[in-house]
Amino acid sequence: MLETEPQVASVVAEGEISDEVDYAVAMFLDNERGFGLTACKPRLVQLNDGSQLIMMSLDSTFRGDDNKIYGYGEVGRLYLDPNNNFEVVFCSPADEIEKNRNELVETVEPEERSRGKY
């Protein structure tokens, strides 16, 4: 994995990822960054060096007492290589995610999220 976040030059396209990739990303996040993160908003981006990756935002999420999913907002990013079996090439560090999560929890109200991919 890359040590620093890739430098995005432009967003080429926005869309969806397959259920298989979505599942693999969820398992990566659970194993590497802990529960409570949902990857969302997949975008094909072009980097400054001309290569392309899939960039996803990481939303801090939780299940409320009413059994609905809520989120606080973006706390990090994850990048996948579409040319290498959608391998994760960068994920925001755990300490950065935790810092961003704590700031959001203290400053914003959570919003209801739709179930499934978003």
N, C-alpha and C. Protein backbone atom coordinates (compact mmCIF):
# COMPACT_ATOMS: atom_id res chain seq x y z
N MET A 1 0.83 -1.19 0.00
CA MET A 1 0.00 0.00 0.00
C MET A 1 0.87 1.25 0.00
N LEU A 2 0.30 2.30 -0.56
CA LEU A 2 0.99 3.59 -0.59
C LEU A 2 1.03 4.19 0.81
N GLU A 3 2.09 4.92 1.09
CA GLU A 3 2.25 5.57 2.40
C GLU A 3 1.49 6.90 2.48
N THR A 4 1.32 7.57 1.34
CA THR A 4 0.64 8.86 1.32
C THR A 4 -0.54 8.80 0.36
N GLU A 5 -1.51 9.66 0.61
CA GLU A 5 -2.70 9.69 -0.24
C GLU A 5 -2.34 10.13 -1.65
N PRO A 6 -2.86 9.43 -2.66
CA PRO A 6 -2.60 9.80 -4.06
C PRO A 6 -3.10 11.21 -4.35
N GLN A 7 -2.42 11.89 -5.26
CA GLN A 7 -2.78 13.25 -5.65
C GLN A 7 -3.73 13.20 -6.85
N VAL A 8 -4.99 13.55 -6.61
CA VAL A 8 -6.03 13.47 -7.63
C VAL A 8 -5.99 14.73 -8.50
N ALA A 9 -5.93 14.52 -9.82
CA ALA A 9 -5.98 15.63 -10.76
C ALA A 9 -7.41 15.94 -11.17
N SER A 10 -8.24 14.89 -11.35
CA SER A 10 -9.62 15.11 -11.76
C SER A 10 -10.47 13.88 -11.50
N VAL A 11 -11.78 14.12 -11.41
CA VAL A 11 -12.75 13.03 -11.31
C VAL A 11 -13.19 12.70 -12.72
N VAL A 12 -12.98 11.45 -13.14
CA VAL A 12 -13.32 11.03 -14.48
C VAL A 12 -14.79 10.62 -14.56
N ALA A 13 -15.26 9.88 -13.55
CA ALA A 13 -16.65 9.42 -13.54
C ALA A 13 -17.08 9.08 -12.11
N GLU A 14 -18.39 9.17 -11.87
CA GLU A 14 -18.97 8.74 -10.61
C GLU A 14 -19.90 7.60 -10.92
N GLY A 15 -20.04 6.66 -9.99
CA GLY A 15 -20.91 5.53 -10.27
C GLY A 15 -21.02 4.59 -9.10
N GLU A 16 -21.10 3.28 -9.42
CA GLU A 16 -21.25 2.25 -8.42
C GLU A 16 -20.17 1.19 -8.60
N ILE A 17 -19.98 0.41 -7.56
CA ILE A 17 -19.07 -0.73 -7.65
C ILE A 17 -19.90 -2.00 -7.52
N SER A 18 -19.34 -3.11 -7.92
CA SER A 18 -20.07 -4.38 -7.85
C SER A 18 -20.26 -4.81 -6.40
N ASP A 19 -21.21 -5.70 -6.18
CA ASP A 19 -21.44 -6.23 -4.83
C ASP A 19 -20.21 -6.93 -4.29
N GLU A 20 -19.48 -7.63 -5.17
CA GLU A 20 -18.28 -8.36 -4.75
C GLU A 20 -17.20 -7.40 -4.26
N VAL A 21 -16.99 -6.31 -4.98
CA VAL A 21 -15.98 -5.33 -4.57
C VAL A 21 -16.45 -4.62 -3.31
N ASP A 22 -17.73 -4.30 -3.23
CA ASP A 22 -18.29 -3.66 -2.04
C ASP A 22 -18.05 -4.54 -0.81
N TYR A 23 -18.28 -5.83 -0.94
CA TYR A 23 -18.08 -6.77 0.17
C TYR A 23 -16.60 -6.82 0.56
N ALA A 24 -15.72 -6.91 -0.44
CA ALA A 24 -14.28 -6.97 -0.17
C ALA A 24 -13.81 -5.71 0.55
N VAL A 25 -14.30 -4.55 0.14
CA VAL A 25 -13.93 -3.29 0.79
C VAL A 25 -14.44 -3.28 2.23
N ALA A 26 -15.67 -3.73 2.45
CA ALA A 26 -16.22 -3.77 3.81
C ALA A 26 -15.39 -4.68 4.71
N MET A 27 -14.96 -5.83 4.19
CA MET A 27 -14.13 -6.75 4.98
C MET A 27 -12.76 -6.13 5.26
N PHE A 28 -12.18 -5.44 4.28
CA PHE A 28 -10.90 -4.76 4.49
C PHE A 28 -11.05 -3.74 5.62
N LEU A 29 -12.08 -2.90 5.55
CA LEU A 29 -12.27 -1.87 6.57
C LEU A 29 -12.47 -2.48 7.95
N ASP A 30 -13.30 -3.53 8.04
CA ASP A 30 -13.53 -4.17 9.34
C ASP A 30 -12.23 -4.73 9.91
N ASN A 31 -11.43 -5.35 9.07
CA ASN A 31 -10.18 -5.98 9.53
C ASN A 31 -9.06 -4.99 9.80
N GLU A 32 -8.97 -3.94 9.00
CA GLU A 32 -7.83 -3.02 9.08
C GLU A 32 -8.11 -1.72 9.83
N ARG A 33 -9.37 -1.27 9.88
CA ARG A 33 -9.67 0.01 10.51
C ARG A 33 -10.77 -0.08 11.56
N GLY A 34 -11.37 -1.25 11.70
CA GLY A 34 -12.40 -1.44 12.71
C GLY A 34 -13.79 -1.18 12.18
N PHE A 35 -14.78 -1.54 13.00
CA PHE A 35 -16.18 -1.37 12.60
C PHE A 35 -16.57 0.10 12.64
N GLY A 36 -17.69 0.40 11.98
CA GLY A 36 -18.22 1.75 12.02
C GLY A 36 -17.80 2.63 10.85
N LEU A 37 -17.23 2.01 9.80
CA LEU A 37 -16.88 2.77 8.60
C LEU A 37 -17.60 2.15 7.41
N THR A 38 -18.16 3.01 6.57
CA THR A 38 -18.81 2.57 5.35
C THR A 38 -18.17 3.30 4.18
N ALA A 39 -17.68 2.53 3.21
CA ALA A 39 -17.13 3.13 1.99
C ALA A 39 -18.30 3.53 1.09
N CYS A 40 -18.24 4.74 0.55
CA CYS A 40 -19.33 5.25 -0.26
C CYS A 40 -18.79 6.19 -1.35
N LYS A 41 -19.69 6.60 -2.23
CA LYS A 41 -19.39 7.56 -3.28
C LYS A 41 -18.20 7.15 -4.15
N PRO A 42 -18.26 5.98 -4.80
CA PRO A 42 -17.14 5.58 -5.66
C PRO A 42 -16.98 6.51 -6.86
N ARG A 43 -15.73 6.93 -7.09
CA ARG A 43 -15.42 7.81 -8.22
C ARG A 43 -14.15 7.31 -8.89
N LEU A 44 -14.18 7.24 -10.21
CA LEU A 44 -12.97 6.95 -10.96
C LEU A 44 -12.22 8.26 -11.08
N VAL A 45 -10.98 8.29 -10.58
CA VAL A 45 -10.20 9.54 -10.60
C VAL A 45 -8.92 9.34 -11.37
N GLN A 46 -8.46 10.44 -11.96
CA GLN A 46 -7.16 10.44 -12.63
C GLN A 46 -6.18 11.15 -11.71
N LEU A 47 -5.03 10.51 -11.53
CA LEU A 47 -4.00 11.08 -10.67
C LEU A 47 -3.09 12.00 -11.46
N ASN A 48 -2.29 12.75 -10.74
CA ASN A 48 -1.34 13.67 -11.38
C ASN A 48 -0.39 12.96 -12.33
N ASP A 49 -0.09 11.68 -12.07
CA ASP A 49 0.83 10.93 -12.93
C ASP A 49 0.13 10.29 -14.13
N GLY A 50 -1.19 10.52 -14.28
CA GLY A 50 -1.95 10.01 -15.41
C GLY A 50 -2.63 8.67 -15.15
N SER A 51 -2.28 7.97 -14.09
CA SER A 51 -2.93 6.69 -13.79
C SER A 51 -4.32 6.94 -13.21
N GLN A 52 -5.13 5.89 -13.16
CA GLN A 52 -6.48 6.01 -12.65
C GLN A 52 -6.71 5.03 -11.51
N LEU A 53 -7.45 5.49 -10.51
CA LEU A 53 -7.83 4.68 -9.37
C LEU A 53 -9.30 4.94 -9.06
N ILE A 54 -9.89 4.08 -8.26
CA ILE A 54 -11.23 4.33 -7.74
C ILE A 54 -11.07 4.88 -6.33
N MET A 55 -11.63 6.05 -6.10
CA MET A 55 -11.56 6.70 -4.81
C MET A 55 -12.93 6.57 -4.14
N MET A 56 -12.93 6.20 -2.86
CA MET A 56 -14.17 6.12 -2.10
C MET A 56 -14.03 6.90 -0.80
N SER A 57 -15.10 7.57 -0.42
CA SER A 57 -15.13 8.26 0.86
C SER A 57 -15.44 7.24 1.95
N LEU A 58 -14.94 7.50 3.15
CA LEU A 58 -15.24 6.66 4.32
C LEU A 58 -16.14 7.44 5.25
N ASP A 59 -17.35 6.94 5.44
CA ASP A 59 -18.36 7.58 6.28
C ASP A 59 -18.35 6.90 7.65
N SER A 60 -18.37 7.67 8.71
CA SER A 60 -18.47 7.14 10.07
C SER A 60 -19.93 6.81 10.34
N THR A 61 -20.26 5.53 10.46
CA THR A 61 -21.65 5.10 10.56
C THR A 61 -21.91 4.27 11.82
N PHE A 62 -23.19 4.19 12.19
CA PHE A 62 -23.60 3.36 13.31
C PHE A 62 -25.08 3.01 13.15
N ARG A 63 -25.50 1.97 13.84
CA ARG A 63 -26.91 1.57 13.86
C ARG A 63 -27.55 2.17 15.10
N GLY A 64 -28.61 2.94 14.88
CA GLY A 64 -29.30 3.60 15.98
C GLY A 64 -30.21 2.65 16.73
N ASP A 65 -30.76 3.13 17.84
CA ASP A 65 -31.69 2.33 18.65
C ASP A 65 -32.93 1.94 17.86
N ASP A 66 -33.25 2.71 16.81
CA ASP A 66 -34.41 2.42 15.98
C ASP A 66 -34.08 1.45 14.84
N ASN A 67 -32.86 0.88 14.87
CA ASN A 67 -32.38 -0.09 13.88
C ASN A 67 -32.13 0.53 12.51
N LYS A 68 -32.03 1.83 12.43
CA LYS A 68 -31.70 2.52 11.19
C LYS A 68 -30.21 2.85 11.20
N ILE A 69 -29.64 3.02 10.01
CA ILE A 69 -28.22 3.36 9.87
C ILE A 69 -28.09 4.88 9.83
N TYR A 70 -27.12 5.40 10.60
CA TYR A 70 -26.85 6.83 10.64
C TYR A 70 -25.37 7.07 10.36
N GLY A 71 -25.07 8.25 9.84
CA GLY A 71 -23.69 8.59 9.58
C GLY A 71 -23.40 10.03 9.95
N TYR A 72 -22.13 10.27 10.29
CA TYR A 72 -21.68 11.61 10.65
C TYR A 72 -21.05 12.35 9.48
N GLY A 73 -20.51 11.62 8.51
CA GLY A 73 -19.86 12.26 7.38
C GLY A 73 -18.50 11.64 7.09
N GLU A 74 -17.81 12.23 6.13
CA GLU A 74 -16.54 11.69 5.66
C GLU A 74 -15.44 11.85 6.70
N VAL A 75 -14.78 10.74 7.00
CA VAL A 75 -13.68 10.75 7.96
C VAL A 75 -12.37 10.28 7.33
N GLY A 76 -12.42 9.88 6.07
CA GLY A 76 -11.21 9.42 5.39
C GLY A 76 -11.53 8.99 3.97
N ARG A 77 -10.50 8.43 3.30
CA ARG A 77 -10.66 7.97 1.91
C ARG A 77 -9.93 6.65 1.72
N LEU A 78 -10.40 5.93 0.71
CA LEU A 78 -9.81 4.65 0.33
C LEU A 78 -9.68 4.65 -1.18
N TYR A 79 -8.58 4.08 -1.68
CA TYR A 79 -8.33 4.02 -3.12
C TYR A 79 -8.14 2.57 -3.55
N LEU A 80 -8.77 2.21 -4.67
CA LEU A 80 -8.68 0.87 -5.23
C LEU A 80 -8.05 0.95 -6.62
N ASP A 81 -7.28 -0.08 -6.98
CA ASP A 81 -6.68 -0.16 -8.31
C ASP A 81 -7.56 -1.04 -9.20
N PRO A 82 -8.29 -0.44 -10.15
CA PRO A 82 -9.18 -1.23 -11.01
C PRO A 82 -8.42 -2.15 -11.97
N ASN A 83 -7.15 -1.91 -12.15
CA ASN A 83 -6.34 -2.74 -13.05
C ASN A 83 -5.62 -3.87 -12.33
N ASN A 84 -5.80 -3.97 -11.01
CA ASN A 84 -5.13 -5.00 -10.22
C ASN A 84 -6.13 -5.64 -9.25
N ASN A 85 -7.23 -6.15 -9.81
CA ASN A 85 -8.24 -6.87 -9.04
C ASN A 85 -8.82 -6.02 -7.89
N PHE A 86 -8.90 -4.73 -8.09
CA PHE A 86 -9.46 -3.79 -7.12
C PHE A 86 -8.75 -3.85 -5.77
N GLU A 87 -7.45 -4.04 -5.82
CA GLU A 87 -6.63 -4.06 -4.61
C GLU A 87 -6.66 -2.67 -3.95
N VAL A 88 -6.73 -2.66 -2.63
CA VAL A 88 -6.66 -1.40 -1.88
C VAL A 88 -5.22 -0.92 -1.93
N VAL A 89 -5.01 0.27 -2.50
CA VAL A 89 -3.65 0.81 -2.60
C VAL A 89 -3.39 1.91 -1.58
N PHE A 90 -4.46 2.47 -1.01
CA PHE A 90 -4.29 3.47 0.05
C PHE A 90 -5.58 3.52 0.86
N CYS A 91 -5.42 3.66 2.17
CA CYS A 91 -6.55 3.91 3.07
C CYS A 91 -6.06 4.91 4.12
N SER A 92 -6.89 5.88 4.41
CA SER A 92 -6.51 6.86 5.44
C SER A 92 -6.08 6.13 6.71
N PRO A 93 -5.02 6.63 7.37
CA PRO A 93 -4.54 5.99 8.59
C PRO A 93 -5.59 5.99 9.70
N ALA A 94 -5.56 4.97 10.55
CA ALA A 94 -6.53 4.81 11.63
C ALA A 94 -6.57 6.02 12.55
N ASP A 95 -5.40 6.59 12.88
CA ASP A 95 -5.39 7.73 13.79
C ASP A 95 -6.04 8.96 13.16
N GLU A 96 -5.87 9.14 11.86
CA GLU A 96 -6.51 10.26 11.16
C GLU A 96 -8.02 10.06 11.12
N ILE A 97 -8.45 8.83 10.85
CA ILE A 97 -9.88 8.51 10.83
C ILE A 97 -10.49 8.79 12.20
N GLU A 98 -9.84 8.34 13.25
CA GLU A 98 -10.35 8.53 14.61
C GLU A 98 -10.43 10.02 14.97
N LYS A 99 -9.41 10.78 14.62
CA LYS A 99 -9.40 12.23 14.88
C LYS A 99 -10.58 12.91 14.16
N ASN A 100 -10.76 12.58 12.89
CA ASN A 100 -11.85 13.18 12.11
C ASN A 100 -13.21 12.75 12.67
N ARG A 101 -13.32 11.48 13.07
CA ARG A 101 -14.57 10.97 13.64
C ARG A 101 -14.91 11.74 14.93
N ASN A 102 -13.94 11.89 15.81
CA ASN A 102 -14.18 12.60 17.07
C ASN A 102 -14.62 14.03 16.83
N GLU A 103 -14.00 14.70 15.86
CA GLU A 103 -14.39 16.08 15.54
C GLU A 103 -15.84 16.15 15.05
N LEU A 104 -16.22 15.21 14.17
CA LEU A 104 -17.58 15.22 13.65
C LEU A 104 -18.61 14.89 14.73
N VAL A 105 -18.32 13.90 15.55
CA VAL A 105 -19.25 13.50 16.62
C VAL A 105 -19.52 14.68 17.55
N GLU A 106 -18.52 15.51 17.78
CA GLU A 106 -18.68 16.65 18.68
C GLU A 106 -19.36 17.85 18.03
N THR A 107 -19.38 17.89 16.69
CA THR A 107 -19.84 19.12 16.03
C THR A 107 -21.07 18.97 15.15
N VAL A 108 -21.44 17.77 14.73
CA VAL A 108 -22.59 17.61 13.83
C VAL A 108 -23.55 16.55 14.36
N GLU A 109 -24.78 16.65 13.92
CA GLU A 109 -25.79 15.64 14.24
C GLU A 109 -25.73 14.56 13.15
N PRO A 110 -25.84 13.30 13.54
CA PRO A 110 -25.82 12.25 12.53
C PRO A 110 -27.07 12.31 11.64
N GLU A 111 -26.92 11.87 10.39
CA GLU A 111 -28.02 11.85 9.45
C GLU A 111 -28.31 10.41 9.06
N GLU A 112 -29.59 10.13 8.81
CA GLU A 112 -29.98 8.78 8.42
C GLU A 112 -29.36 8.44 7.06
N ARG A 113 -28.90 7.22 6.93
CA ARG A 113 -28.31 6.72 5.68
C ARG A 113 -29.22 5.65 5.10
N SER A 114 -29.21 5.54 3.80
CA SER A 114 -29.97 4.49 3.16
C SER A 114 -29.29 3.16 3.37
N ARG A 115 -30.04 2.10 3.33
CA ARG A 115 -29.45 0.77 3.43
C ARG A 115 -28.85 0.38 2.10
N GLY A 116 -27.86 -0.50 2.12
CA GLY A 116 -27.22 -0.93 0.89
C GLY A 116 -26.10 0.01 0.49
N LYS A 117 -25.69 -0.10 -0.76
CA LYS A 117 -24.59 0.75 -1.25
C LYS A 117 -25.08 2.17 -1.46
N TYR A 118 -24.21 3.12 -1.15
CA TYR A 118 -24.54 4.53 -1.40
C TYR A 118 -23.31 5.32 -1.67
